């Protein structure tokens, strides 16, 4: 091509964008784990979902993050409306997910593998847009909490589990499908909800299912355009749980006043607000003073979805890094032929698969909660996964962006979004310290959870000598209760690595399992990516992480 007088250079050595592909069909790792944990019956549905994620929803994700929500406190006549306007792409993302069953599948089709299939769906949706996953998660997770009040559940659950999305600003009773948010956190308390000061008083009579007036302030209200919110407020000296709608039953606006939208590091497509309740009406779920017990059923599932979200971020980060480097030449070689880059890429892929493995293991346990052992595993292992995966995702996304280089730091590349998004899952629904302390409390108060967790570990004994050695060593460490709270993070990290290793050894690809155990449990293990032992087959790991996609096309010249 002949350069014109206006040309300064030809564009070359630039990879193509990773687009126009089926995000499920091309993901051997996700498909294998879905099949391993009884989700194969949903594969046609997941394939259809994955097609949209890799095509139309990919662009919608970029648009929803480029055009964040806008707050409209009043209409043009001066009436208070407290409305948040979203870009049409956000509604496109929400509609696709809800119609596919993201918020309802395990509740409407309670069969083996239902939670696994829904987790895979949430995993795929996160790769289109993590922000809209927030209201989807809360809507899905609200069901067990609302079930504490049967009369309210009878009215609301059919709308919550409907596969219909209605993003309009109108009363819930005019809609076929609704979404649910949360408003828990107050300035003075953060994770310590017992420090909340929002007060609730009966409108008429007190008691379960009755209407109360709530007055107070919430520092974080997630997704303020949801149709109702789960809220903790004090009745007397104790916390109670309420379902607070945006519209009252008479069709008037419930006085939930949005003060402002948060200007956040990431999660940009989703709105988070500071709000005030000014005698807002809400229904008491369960008995007065039992609010934490009621809401914990929702929190357990939203914490689990943090595992899904961070696993998805890592898988996408590894995929983007591998794809980008396959189309780049540096120092005279393709980046994939550079030994050190292969080490880093394989390590990123290994970490991502280990995260997905334990995430879908919990989904499998959720599908079997009638089994006391599986239910006990959910209660303790969710905290471990939430702590470890969400923390690793932050470092992981930074390393993947470094593989991509400077172009990964700008918003046209999805890597920068992954990096901005990664910290929220570690903070939301309880920071790392909260997860550690919750796990210690559960293990001390419910010995059966300890037994369930170590039964998981015992199932992998004899499959790798390094695993056996580390399991024996950890049992000795855990038996020492001296300053156990001070050592809680170290304990949590050991538990996470043992659990990931056991899950890969028992259920996973043998070559991946062996590589992970050697990389994470040996005396020379490092938390830095790119430090794999020299004899690990990095090419096998890399190819497994990015299969069935077309080869990078030739560099485009202009």
Protein backbone atom coordinates (compact mmCIF):
# COMPACT_ATOMS: atom_id res chain seq x y z
CA UNK A 1 0.00 0.00 0.00
CA UNK A 2 1.45 3.36 -1.03
CA UNK A 3 1.52 6.01 1.67
CA UNK A 4 -0.03 9.35 0.84
CA UNK A 5 1.53 12.66 1.80
CA UNK A 6 -0.80 12.72 4.81
CA UNK A 7 0.28 9.33 6.18
CA UNK A 8 2.89 9.13 8.93
CA UNK A 9 2.92 5.34 9.31
CA UNK A 10 1.18 2.05 8.66
CA UNK A 11 -0.69 0.34 11.49
CA UNK A 12 0.75 -3.13 12.02
CA UNK A 13 1.46 -5.61 14.82
CA UNK A 14 -1.92 -4.83 16.40
CA UNK A 15 -4.22 -7.71 17.38
CA UNK A 16 -7.86 -7.84 16.38
CA UNK A 17 -10.55 -7.33 18.99
CA UNK A 18 -11.91 -10.48 20.59
CA UNK A 19 -15.52 -10.27 19.47
CA UNK A 20 -18.30 -12.09 17.59
CA UNK A 21 -17.97 -15.46 19.32
CA UNK A 22 -20.08 -17.69 21.55
CA UNK A 23 -18.87 -17.11 25.11
CA UNK A 24 -20.20 -20.48 26.30
CA UNK A 25 -19.48 -22.81 23.40
CA UNK A 26 -15.87 -21.62 23.14
CA UNK A 27 -15.21 -22.01 26.88
CA UNK A 28 -14.12 -25.62 27.44
CA UNK A 29 -13.35 -24.93 31.10
CA UNK A 30 -16.80 -23.57 31.95
CA UNK A 31 -18.54 -26.32 29.99
CA UNK A 32 -16.55 -29.06 31.73
CA UNK A 33 -17.36 -27.74 35.21
CA UNK A 34 -21.04 -27.28 34.36
CA UNK A 35 -21.17 -30.91 33.20
CA UNK A 36 -19.19 -32.13 36.20
CA UNK A 37 -21.79 -30.67 38.58
CA UNK A 38 -25.00 -31.84 36.85
CA UNK A 39 -25.76 -28.77 34.76
CA UNK A 40 -25.48 -30.38 31.31
CA UNK A 41 -29.27 -30.32 30.83
CA UNK A 42 -29.09 -26.50 30.54
CA UNK A 43 -26.38 -26.39 27.87
CA UNK A 44 -28.64 -25.35 25.00
CA UNK A 45 -29.91 -22.46 27.11
CA UNK A 46 -26.38 -21.52 28.14
CA UNK A 47 -25.20 -21.71 24.54
CA UNK A 48 -27.93 -19.29 23.46
CA UNK A 49 -27.01 -17.00 26.35
CA UNK A 50 -23.31 -17.20 25.48
CA UNK A 51 -24.00 -16.30 21.86
CA UNK A 52 -25.56 -12.99 22.88
CA UNK A 53 -22.79 -12.29 25.40
CA UNK A 54 -20.16 -12.62 22.66
CA UNK A 55 -22.14 -10.57 20.15
CA UNK A 56 -24.81 -7.93 20.90
CA UNK A 57 -24.28 -7.76 24.67
CA UNK A 58 -20.57 -7.14 24.30
CA UNK A 59 -21.31 -3.79 22.68
CA UNK A 60 -24.11 -3.12 25.17
CA UNK A 61 -21.62 -3.56 28.01
CA UNK A 62 -19.31 -0.91 26.57
CA UNK A 63 -22.21 1.50 26.03
CA UNK A 64 -23.67 1.02 29.51
CA UNK A 65 -20.29 1.81 31.05
CA UNK A 66 -19.61 4.75 28.73
CA UNK A 67 -22.99 6.35 29.57
CA UNK A 68 -23.48 5.95 33.34
CA UNK A 69 -26.82 6.48 35.11
CA UNK A 70 -28.10 10.02 35.59
CA UNK A 71 -30.10 11.23 38.58
CA UNK A 72 -33.23 13.32 38.04
CA UNK A 73 -34.52 14.55 41.45
CA UNK A 74 -37.49 16.50 40.04
CA UNK A 75 -39.50 16.61 36.86
CA UNK A 76 -39.77 19.74 34.75
CA UNK A 77 -42.75 20.96 36.81
CA UNK A 78 -40.86 20.70 40.09
CA UNK A 79 -42.42 17.48 41.42
CA UNK A 80 -40.07 15.20 43.32
CA UNK A 81 -39.55 12.04 41.25
CA UNK A 82 -36.19 10.59 42.48
CA UNK A 83 -35.60 8.96 39.14
CA UNK A 84 -32.39 7.42 37.81
CA UNK A 85 -32.17 7.27 34.03
CA UNK A 86 -30.12 4.53 32.39
CA UNK A 87 -28.77 4.20 28.87
CA UNK A 88 -30.88 1.83 26.71
CA UNK A 89 -27.96 -0.62 26.70
CA UNK A 90 -28.38 -1.13 30.44
CA UNK A 91 -32.02 -2.09 29.94
CA UNK A 92 -30.96 -4.40 27.11
CA UNK A 93 -28.56 -6.20 29.47
CA UNK A 94 -31.14 -6.47 32.24
CA UNK A 95 -33.88 -7.69 29.92
CA UNK A 96 -31.74 -10.40 28.36
CA UNK A 97 -30.59 -11.74 31.73
CA UNK A 98 -34.01 -11.77 33.37
CA UNK A 99 -35.77 -13.30 30.39
CA UNK A 100 -33.14 -16.06 30.31
CA UNK A 101 -33.70 -16.93 33.99
CA UNK A 102 -30.66 -15.30 35.64
CA UNK A 103 -32.79 -14.16 38.60
CA UNK A 104 -35.15 -17.10 38.80
CA UNK A 105 -33.87 -20.41 37.43
CA UNK A 106 -33.25 -22.33 40.71
CA UNK A 107 -36.54 -21.07 42.19
CA UNK A 108 -38.72 -21.94 39.20
CA UNK A 109 -36.88 -25.12 38.11
CA UNK A 110 -35.60 -26.71 41.34
CA UNK A 111 -33.78 -29.72 39.92
CA UNK A 112 -30.21 -31.03 40.18
CA UNK A 113 -27.86 -28.61 38.48
CA UNK A 114 -30.22 -25.61 38.60
CA UNK A 115 -27.92 -23.48 40.77
CA UNK A 116 -24.98 -24.61 38.61
CA UNK A 117 -26.74 -23.53 35.42
CA UNK A 118 -27.75 -20.22 36.94
CA UNK A 119 -24.18 -19.63 38.20
CA UNK A 120 -22.87 -20.24 34.67
CA UNK A 121 -25.39 -17.74 33.37
CA UNK A 122 -24.28 -15.14 35.93
CA UNK A 123 -20.65 -15.90 35.04
CA UNK A 124 -21.35 -15.22 31.36
CA UNK A 125 -23.39 -12.08 32.04
CA UNK A 126 -20.56 -10.62 34.12
CA UNK A 127 -18.34 -10.84 31.06
CA UNK A 128 -20.79 -8.62 29.17
CA UNK A 129 -21.25 -6.16 32.04
CA UNK A 130 -20.51 -6.65 35.76
CA UNK A 131 -22.46 -3.56 36.91
CA UNK A 132 -25.91 -4.75 35.89
CA UNK A 133 -25.14 -7.98 37.73
CA UNK A 134 -25.74 -6.10 41.00
CA UNK A 135 -29.56 -5.75 40.74
CA UNK A 136 -29.75 -9.20 39.12
CA UNK A 137 -27.95 -10.73 42.10
CA UNK A 138 -30.09 -8.95 44.66
CA UNK A 139 -33.32 -9.88 42.91
CA UNK A 140 -32.27 -13.53 42.80
CA UNK A 141 -31.03 -13.56 46.41
CA UNK A 142 -34.07 -11.80 47.87
CA UNK A 143 -36.28 -14.86 47.53
CA UNK A 144 -35.21 -16.77 50.70
CA UNK A 145 -35.45 -13.59 52.83
CA UNK A 146 -38.93 -12.70 51.58
CA UNK A 147 -40.10 -16.27 52.17
CA UNK A 148 -39.82 -15.52 55.90
CA UNK A 149 -43.14 -13.67 55.51
CA UNK A 150 -45.59 -15.93 53.63
CA UNK A 151 -48.30 -13.32 52.94
CA UNK A 152 -45.77 -10.88 51.46
CA UNK A 153 -44.09 -13.72 49.57
CA UNK A 154 -47.40 -14.71 48.01
CA UNK A 155 -47.80 -11.22 46.61
CA UNK A 156 -44.20 -10.50 45.55
CA UNK A 157 -42.45 -13.75 44.61
CA UNK A 158 -44.42 -14.37 41.40
CA UNK A 159 -43.22 -10.97 40.15
CA UNK A 160 -39.66 -11.46 41.42
CA UNK A 161 -39.28 -14.83 39.72
CA UNK A 162 -41.06 -13.82 36.51
CA UNK A 163 -38.93 -13.84 33.39
CA UNK A 164 -40.12 -10.36 32.46
CA UNK A 165 -38.20 -7.12 32.82
CA UNK A 166 -39.92 -3.79 33.29
CA UNK A 167 -37.54 -0.88 33.85
CA UNK A 168 -40.24 1.76 33.90
CA UNK A 169 -40.78 4.10 36.85
CA UNK A 170 -44.25 3.01 37.93
CA UNK A 171 -45.82 1.10 40.84
CA UNK A 172 -44.90 -2.55 41.35
CA UNK A 173 -48.55 -3.64 41.21
CA UNK A 174 -48.75 -2.44 37.60
CA UNK A 175 -45.82 -4.66 36.58
CA UNK A 176 -45.52 -8.32 35.68
CA UNK A 177 -41.88 -8.50 36.74
CA UNK A 178 -39.93 -6.57 39.39
CA UNK A 179 -36.38 -6.17 40.68
CA UNK A 180 -35.21 -5.97 44.29
CA UNK A 181 -32.38 -3.92 45.82
CA UNK A 182 -30.78 -3.51 49.24
CA UNK A 183 -30.29 -0.55 51.58
CA UNK A 184 -28.31 -1.72 54.61
CA UNK A 185 -25.19 0.37 55.14
CA UNK A 186 -25.16 3.54 57.21
CA UNK A 187 -22.31 6.05 57.64
CA UNK A 188 -21.46 5.19 61.21
CA UNK A 189 -21.53 1.41 60.85
CA UNK A 190 -20.49 0.03 57.49
CA UNK A 191 -20.42 -3.75 57.88
CA UNK A 192 -21.42 -3.32 61.54
CA UNK A 193 -25.16 -3.09 60.87
CA UNK A 194 -25.87 -3.25 64.61
CA UNK A 195 -24.76 0.40 64.69
CA UNK A 196 -27.64 1.37 62.37
CA UNK A 197 -29.94 4.14 63.58
CA UNK A 198 -32.80 3.99 61.04
CA UNK A 199 -36.02 3.60 63.03
CA UNK A 200 -39.24 1.78 62.14
CA UNK A 201 -42.58 2.36 63.88
CA UNK A 202 -45.91 0.65 63.14
CA UNK A 203 -48.37 2.53 60.95
CA UNK A 204 -51.20 0.82 62.83
CA UNK A 205 -50.53 -2.51 64.55
CA UNK A 206 -47.10 -4.04 65.09
CA UNK A 207 -46.13 -7.52 63.98
CA UNK A 208 -44.97 -9.75 61.15
CA UNK A 209 -46.24 -8.64 57.75
CA UNK A 210 -47.54 -5.32 59.10
CA UNK A 211 -46.83 -1.91 57.63
CA UNK A 212 -44.24 0.31 59.36
CA UNK A 213 -42.87 3.82 58.81
CA UNK A 214 -39.09 3.98 58.34
CA UNK A 215 -37.08 7.12 59.05
CA UNK A 216 -33.33 7.33 58.58
CA UNK A 217 -30.41 7.51 56.19
CA UNK A 218 -28.62 4.84 54.16
CA UNK A 219 -25.08 5.46 52.97
CA UNK A 220 -25.34 2.86 50.19
CA UNK A 221 -28.52 1.88 48.41
CA UNK A 222 -27.69 -0.50 45.59
CA UNK A 223 -29.62 -0.04 42.35
CA UNK A 224 -32.07 2.68 43.52
CA UNK A 225 -34.48 2.13 40.62
CA UNK A 226 -35.40 -1.33 41.86
CA UNK A 227 -39.07 -1.80 42.72
CA UNK A 228 -38.43 -2.56 46.39
CA UNK A 229 -35.55 -2.85 48.84
CA UNK A 230 -34.57 -5.12 51.70
CA UNK A 231 -33.82 -2.76 54.59
CA UNK A 232 -32.62 -3.19 58.17
CA UNK A 233 -34.13 -0.77 60.72
CA UNK A 234 -34.53 -0.72 64.46
CA UNK A 235 -37.76 -1.62 66.21
CA UNK A 236 -36.89 -0.72 69.77
CA UNK A 237 -33.29 -1.76 70.39
CA UNK A 238 -33.19 -4.64 67.91
CA UNK A 239 -32.83 -4.76 64.14
CA UNK A 240 -35.73 -5.91 62.01
CA UNK A 241 -35.94 -6.56 58.28
CA UNK A 242 -38.38 -4.78 55.98
CA UNK A 243 -39.42 -4.86 52.34
CA UNK A 244 -39.74 -1.20 51.32
CA UNK A 245 -41.34 -0.49 47.91
CA UNK A 246 -40.65 2.60 45.81
CA UNK A 247 -44.40 3.18 45.50
CA UNK A 248 -47.05 2.88 48.18
CA UNK A 249 -50.09 0.68 47.77
CA UNK A 250 -52.30 3.70 47.05
CA UNK A 251 -50.15 4.63 44.04
CA UNK A 252 -48.37 7.54 45.71
CA UNK A 253 -44.59 7.84 45.74
CA UNK A 254 -43.03 6.31 48.85
CA UNK A 255 -40.83 9.03 50.46
CA UNK A 256 -37.46 7.46 49.63
CA UNK A 257 -35.39 10.50 48.73
CA UNK A 258 -32.19 10.02 46.76
CA UNK A 259 -29.53 12.44 47.98
CA UNK A 260 -26.97 11.71 45.30
CA UNK A 261 -25.47 8.93 43.19
CA UNK A 262 -22.05 7.64 44.16
CA UNK A 263 -19.20 8.43 41.77
CA UNK A 264 -17.47 5.06 42.00
CA UNK A 265 -14.16 3.64 40.89
CA UNK A 266 -15.89 0.90 38.91
CA UNK A 267 -19.35 -0.67 38.62
CA UNK A 268 -20.18 2.33 36.48
CA UNK A 269 -23.19 1.02 34.61
CA UNK A 270 -24.95 0.44 37.94
CA UNK A 271 -26.25 3.22 40.17
CA UNK A 272 -25.46 3.30 43.89
CA UNK A 273 -27.11 6.02 45.95
CA UNK A 274 -27.33 7.72 49.30
CA UNK A 275 -30.97 7.83 50.34
CA UNK A 276 -33.21 9.08 53.13
CA UNK A 277 -36.37 7.42 54.35
CA UNK A 278 -38.84 10.08 55.43
CA UNK A 279 -41.55 7.95 57.04
CA UNK A 280 -41.37 5.53 54.12
CA UNK A 281 -43.74 2.58 54.32
CA UNK A 282 -42.38 -0.96 54.48
CA UNK A 283 -43.58 -4.42 55.48
CA UNK A 284 -41.94 -6.28 58.37
CA UNK A 285 -40.50 -9.62 57.23
CA UNK A 286 -40.61 -12.11 60.09
CA UNK A 287 -40.70 -11.13 63.73
CA UNK A 288 -39.43 -7.89 65.23
CA UNK A 289 -35.82 -8.10 66.33
CA UNK A 290 -35.03 -10.97 63.95
CA UNK A 291 -33.76 -8.80 61.11
CA UNK A 292 -30.24 -10.17 60.87
CA UNK A 293 -31.50 -13.73 60.86
CA UNK A 294 -33.92 -12.83 58.05
CA UNK A 295 -31.47 -10.92 55.89
CA UNK A 296 -28.62 -13.42 56.30
CA UNK A 297 -30.36 -15.77 53.85
CA UNK A 298 -30.08 -13.07 51.22
CA UNK A 299 -26.54 -12.07 52.19
CA UNK A 300 -25.33 -15.67 51.90
CA UNK A 301 -26.37 -15.74 48.25
CA UNK A 302 -25.09 -12.27 47.39
CA UNK A 303 -21.74 -13.23 48.92
CA UNK A 304 -21.76 -16.32 46.76
CA UNK A 305 -22.42 -14.18 43.70
CA UNK A 306 -19.29 -12.20 44.57
CA UNK A 307 -17.44 -15.47 43.99
CA UNK A 308 -19.13 -15.88 40.62
CA UNK A 309 -18.39 -12.30 39.63
CA UNK A 310 -14.72 -12.39 40.55
CA UNK A 311 -14.27 -15.81 38.91
CA UNK A 312 -15.78 -14.37 35.74
CA UNK A 313 -13.49 -11.32 35.85
CA UNK A 314 -10.45 -13.58 36.15
CA UNK A 315 -11.54 -15.86 33.33
CA UNK A 316 -12.18 -12.88 31.07
CA UNK A 317 -8.89 -11.21 32.03
CA UNK A 318 -6.92 -14.38 31.26
CA UNK A 319 -8.78 -14.84 27.97
CA UNK A 320 -8.18 -11.24 26.88
CA UNK A 321 -4.49 -11.43 27.81
CA UNK A 322 -3.98 -14.70 25.93
CA UNK A 323 -5.88 -13.48 22.87
CA UNK A 324 -4.07 -10.14 22.74
CA UNK A 325 -0.58 -11.57 23.14
CA UNK A 326 -1.26 -14.18 20.45
CA UNK A 327 -1.46 -11.33 17.96
CA UNK A 328 1.62 -9.39 19.06
CA UNK A 329 5.29 -9.71 18.15
CA UNK A 330 7.89 -8.37 20.57
CA UNK A 331 11.67 -8.54 20.29
CA UNK A 332 11.40 -10.50 17.07
CA UNK A 333 9.03 -13.23 18.34
CA UNK A 334 5.34 -13.73 18.86
CA UNK A 335 4.60 -13.09 22.53
CA UNK A 336 3.29 -16.63 22.85
CA UNK A 337 6.75 -17.88 21.97
CA UNK A 338 8.36 -15.91 24.79
CA UNK A 339 8.96 -18.35 27.70
CA UNK A 340 8.37 -15.79 30.44
CA UNK A 341 5.11 -14.61 28.90
CA UNK A 342 3.93 -18.21 28.63
CA UNK A 343 4.67 -18.59 32.33
CA UNK A 344 2.53 -15.56 33.20
CA UNK A 345 -0.35 -16.44 30.89
CA UNK A 346 -0.54 -20.05 32.07
CA UNK A 347 -0.44 -18.92 35.70
CA UNK A 348 -3.33 -16.50 35.08
CA UNK A 349 -5.34 -19.26 33.41
CA UNK A 350 -4.59 -21.69 36.23
CA UNK A 351 -5.79 -19.23 38.86
CA UNK A 352 -8.97 -18.51 36.94
CA UNK A 353 -9.89 -22.18 36.59
CA UNK A 354 -9.26 -22.88 40.28
CA UNK A 355 -11.59 -20.00 41.16
CA UNK A 356 -14.32 -21.30 38.87
CA UNK A 357 -13.92 -24.84 40.23
CA UNK A 358 -14.76 -23.96 43.83
CA UNK A 359 -17.43 -21.49 42.72
CA UNK A 360 -19.37 -24.17 40.89
CA UNK A 361 -18.67 -26.63 43.71
CA UNK A 362 -20.68 -24.29 45.96
CA UNK A 363 -23.43 -24.12 43.31
CA UNK A 364 -23.49 -27.93 43.40
CA UNK A 365 -23.83 -27.80 47.19
CA UNK A 366 -26.68 -25.27 46.90
CA UNK A 367 -28.46 -27.79 44.68
CA UNK A 368 -28.15 -30.40 47.45
CA UNK A 369 -29.02 -28.42 50.58
CA UNK A 370 -31.36 -31.13 51.78
CA UNK A 371 -28.12 -32.99 52.52
CA UNK A 372 -26.85 -31.62 55.89
CA UNK A 373 -23.22 -32.01 54.83
CA UNK A 374 -23.74 -29.95 51.68
CA UNK A 375 -25.70 -27.30 53.58
CA UNK A 376 -22.89 -27.08 56.14
CA UNK A 377 -20.34 -26.72 53.35
CA UNK A 378 -22.27 -23.73 51.94
CA UNK A 379 -22.29 -22.03 55.34
CA UNK A 380 -18.52 -22.15 55.81
CA UNK A 381 -16.97 -22.42 52.36
CA UNK A 382 -18.77 -19.40 50.89
CA UNK A 383 -16.77 -17.15 53.25
CA UNK A 384 -13.53 -18.81 52.14
CA UNK A 385 -14.31 -18.40 48.46
CA UNK A 386 -15.59 -14.85 48.89
CA UNK A 387 -12.41 -13.87 50.74
CA UNK A 388 -9.87 -15.55 48.47
CA UNK A 389 -11.28 -15.27 44.96
CA UNK A 390 -12.28 -11.64 45.35
CA UNK A 391 -8.83 -10.68 46.63
CA UNK A 392 -6.99 -12.64 43.97
CA UNK A 393 -9.09 -11.03 41.22
CA UNK A 394 -7.61 -7.61 42.01
CA UNK A 395 -4.02 -8.73 41.50
CA UNK A 396 -5.04 -10.99 38.63
CA UNK A 397 -6.74 -8.24 36.61
CA UNK A 398 -3.71 -5.96 37.06
CA UNK A 399 -1.35 -8.67 35.79
CA UNK A 400 -3.57 -9.38 32.78
CA UNK A 401 -3.66 -5.69 31.94
CA UNK A 402 0.13 -5.60 32.12
CA UNK A 403 0.28 -8.47 29.62
CA UNK A 404 -1.82 -6.43 27.22
CA UNK A 405 0.28 -3.34 27.82
CA UNK A 406 -0.58 0.34 27.52
CA UNK A 407 -3.62 -0.22 25.32
CA UNK A 408 -5.11 -2.29 28.15
CA UNK A 409 -5.04 0.77 30.41
CA UNK A 410 -7.43 2.77 28.23
CA UNK A 411 -11.17 2.36 28.22
CA UNK A 412 -11.43 1.06 24.66
CA UNK A 413 -10.00 -2.21 25.98
CA UNK A 414 -12.06 -4.25 28.40
CA UNK A 415 -9.02 -4.87 30.63
CA UNK A 416 -9.32 -1.46 32.29
CA UNK A 417 -12.96 -2.17 33.18
CA UNK A 418 -11.99 -5.50 34.74
CA UNK A 419 -9.34 -3.78 36.86
CA UNK A 420 -11.73 -1.06 38.07
CA UNK A 421 -14.40 -3.63 38.78
CA UNK A 422 -12.30 -6.12 40.70
CA UNK A 423 -12.19 -4.43 44.16
CA UNK A 424 -15.95 -4.10 44.59
CA UNK A 425 -16.57 -7.81 45.17
CA UNK A 426 -13.96 -7.85 47.92
CA UNK A 427 -15.63 -4.92 49.69
CA UNK A 428 -19.32 -5.55 49.04
CA UNK A 429 -21.18 -7.85 51.45
CA UNK A 430 -18.38 -7.84 53.99
CA UNK A 431 -14.68 -7.09 53.56
CA UNK A 432 -11.91 -9.65 53.96
CA UNK A 433 -11.72 -9.26 57.73
CA UNK A 434 -15.47 -9.72 58.05
CA UNK A 435 -15.28 -12.98 56.07
CA UNK A 436 -12.45 -14.25 58.28
CA UNK A 437 -14.29 -13.48 61.51
CA UNK A 438 -17.56 -14.91 60.20
CA UNK A 439 -15.80 -18.14 59.28
CA UNK A 440 -14.25 -18.48 62.75
CA UNK A 441 -17.64 -17.93 64.36
CA UNK A 442 -19.31 -20.52 62.14
CA UNK A 443 -16.61 -23.13 62.73
CA UNK A 444 -16.79 -22.59 66.50
CA UNK A 445 -20.58 -22.52 66.81
CA UNK A 446 -21.39 -25.21 64.26
CA UNK A 447 -18.83 -28.03 64.45
CA UNK A 448 -20.59 -29.86 61.61
CA UNK A 449 -19.37 -27.16 59.21
CA UNK A 450 -15.78 -27.96 60.15
CA UNK A 451 -16.48 -31.65 59.52
CA UNK A 452 -18.03 -30.91 56.12
CA UNK A 453 -15.10 -28.77 55.05
CA UNK A 454 -12.46 -31.29 56.08
CA UNK A 455 -14.44 -34.08 54.48
CA UNK A 456 -13.91 -32.20 51.20
CA UNK A 457 -10.18 -32.15 51.87
CA UNK A 458 -10.04 -35.79 52.92
CA UNK A 459 -11.61 -36.84 49.61
CA UNK A 460 -8.42 -35.71 47.86
CA UNK A 461 -5.98 -37.54 50.15
CA UNK A 462 -3.58 -39.77 48.32
CA UNK A 463 -3.96 -37.94 45.01
CA UNK A 464 -0.82 -35.81 45.42
CA UNK A 465 1.92 -35.98 48.08
CA UNK A 466 2.22 -32.20 48.34
CA UNK A 467 -1.47 -31.93 49.11
CA UNK A 468 -1.23 -34.61 51.80
CA UNK A 469 1.73 -32.85 53.42
CA UNK A 470 0.03 -29.45 53.46
CA UNK A 471 -3.21 -30.90 54.81
CA UNK A 472 -1.36 -32.54 57.72
CA UNK A 473 0.53 -29.33 58.41
CA UNK A 474 -2.63 -27.23 58.35
CA UNK A 475 -4.47 -29.51 60.78
CA UNK A 476 -1.66 -28.95 63.25
CA UNK A 477 -1.75 -25.20 62.71
CA UNK A 478 -5.52 -25.01 63.09
CA UNK A 479 -5.47 -27.08 66.26
CA UNK A 480 -3.50 -24.26 67.90
CA UNK A 481 -6.17 -21.78 68.95
CA UNK A 482 -3.69 -19.26 70.39
CA UNK A 483 -4.27 -15.83 68.78
CA UNK A 484 -6.45 -17.48 66.16
CA UNK A 485 -8.26 -14.25 65.34
CA UNK A 486 -4.93 -12.50 64.74
CA UNK A 487 -3.93 -15.35 62.41
CA UNK A 488 -7.31 -15.56 60.67
CA UNK A 489 -6.14 -14.34 57.26
CA UNK A 490 -3.31 -16.87 57.16
CA UNK A 491 -5.77 -19.61 58.09
CA UNK A 492 -8.21 -18.45 55.42
CA UNK A 493 -5.54 -18.49 52.72
CA UNK A 494 -4.43 -22.01 53.63
CA UNK A 495 -8.04 -23.19 53.61
CA UNK A 496 -8.65 -21.64 50.21
CA UNK A 497 -5.60 -23.23 48.60
CA UNK A 498 -6.36 -26.63 50.10
CA UNK A 499 -9.97 -26.41 48.93
CA UNK A 500 -9.04 -25.33 45.41
CA UNK A 501 -6.45 -28.11 45.23
CA UNK A 502 -8.88 -30.74 46.52
CA UNK A 503 -11.61 -29.67 44.10
CA UNK A 504 -9.27 -29.80 41.12
CA UNK A 505 -7.79 -33.15 42.20
CA UNK A 506 -11.16 -34.82 42.75
CA UNK A 507 -13.27 -33.30 39.98
CA UNK A 508 -10.93 -31.57 37.53
CA UNK A 509 -8.58 -32.17 34.64
CA UNK A 510 -5.61 -34.16 36.06
CA UNK A 511 -2.97 -32.07 34.30
CA UNK A 512 -4.48 -28.82 35.59
CA UNK A 513 -4.81 -30.24 39.10
CA UNK A 514 -1.21 -31.40 39.21
CA UNK A 515 0.03 -28.04 37.93
CA UNK A 516 -2.03 -26.10 40.48
CA UNK A 517 -0.89 -28.18 43.45
CA UNK A 518 2.75 -27.84 42.47
CA UNK A 519 2.37 -24.11 41.82
CA UNK A 520 0.46 -23.24 44.99
CA UNK A 521 1.36 -25.79 47.69
CA UNK A 522 5.11 -26.23 47.33
CA UNK A 523 7.63 -24.50 49.59
CA UNK A 524 8.69 -22.32 46.68
CA UNK A 525 5.18 -21.10 45.86
CA UNK A 526 4.74 -17.39 45.22
CA UNK A 527 1.67 -15.17 45.12
CA UNK A 528 3.20 -13.40 42.11
CA UNK A 529 1.93 -14.62 38.75
CA UNK A 530 4.47 -16.04 36.34
CA UNK A 531 6.42 -18.17 38.82
CA UNK A 532 5.35 -21.64 37.70
CA UNK A 533 7.83 -24.54 37.93
CA UNK A 534 9.82 -24.84 34.70
CA UNK A 535 8.56 -28.29 33.72
CA UNK A 536 4.84 -27.45 33.80
CA UNK A 537 3.22 -27.69 30.35
CA UNK A 538 2.26 -24.04 29.95
CA UNK A 539 1.13 -24.52 26.36
CA UNK A 540 -1.51 -27.03 27.43
CA UNK A 541 -2.88 -24.64 30.06
CA UNK A 542 -2.93 -21.68 27.68
CA UNK A 543 -4.66 -23.57 24.88
CA UNK A 544 -7.25 -24.94 27.32
CA UNK A 545 -8.08 -21.40 28.44
CA UNK A 546 -8.72 -20.08 24.92
CA UNK A 547 -10.00 -22.92 22.72
CA UNK A 548 -12.18 -23.02 19.64
CA UNK A 549 -11.70 -19.40 18.63
CA UNK A 550 -10.54 -18.33 15.18
CA UNK A 551 -6.89 -17.52 14.76
CA UNK A 552 -5.83 -13.92 14.95
CA UNK A 553 -6.38 -12.43 11.49
CA UNK A 554 -3.45 -10.78 9.74
CA UNK A 555 -2.64 -7.31 11.05
CA UNK A 556 -4.70 -4.63 9.38
CA UNK A 557 -2.83 -1.99 7.40
CA UNK A 558 -4.12 1.47 6.71
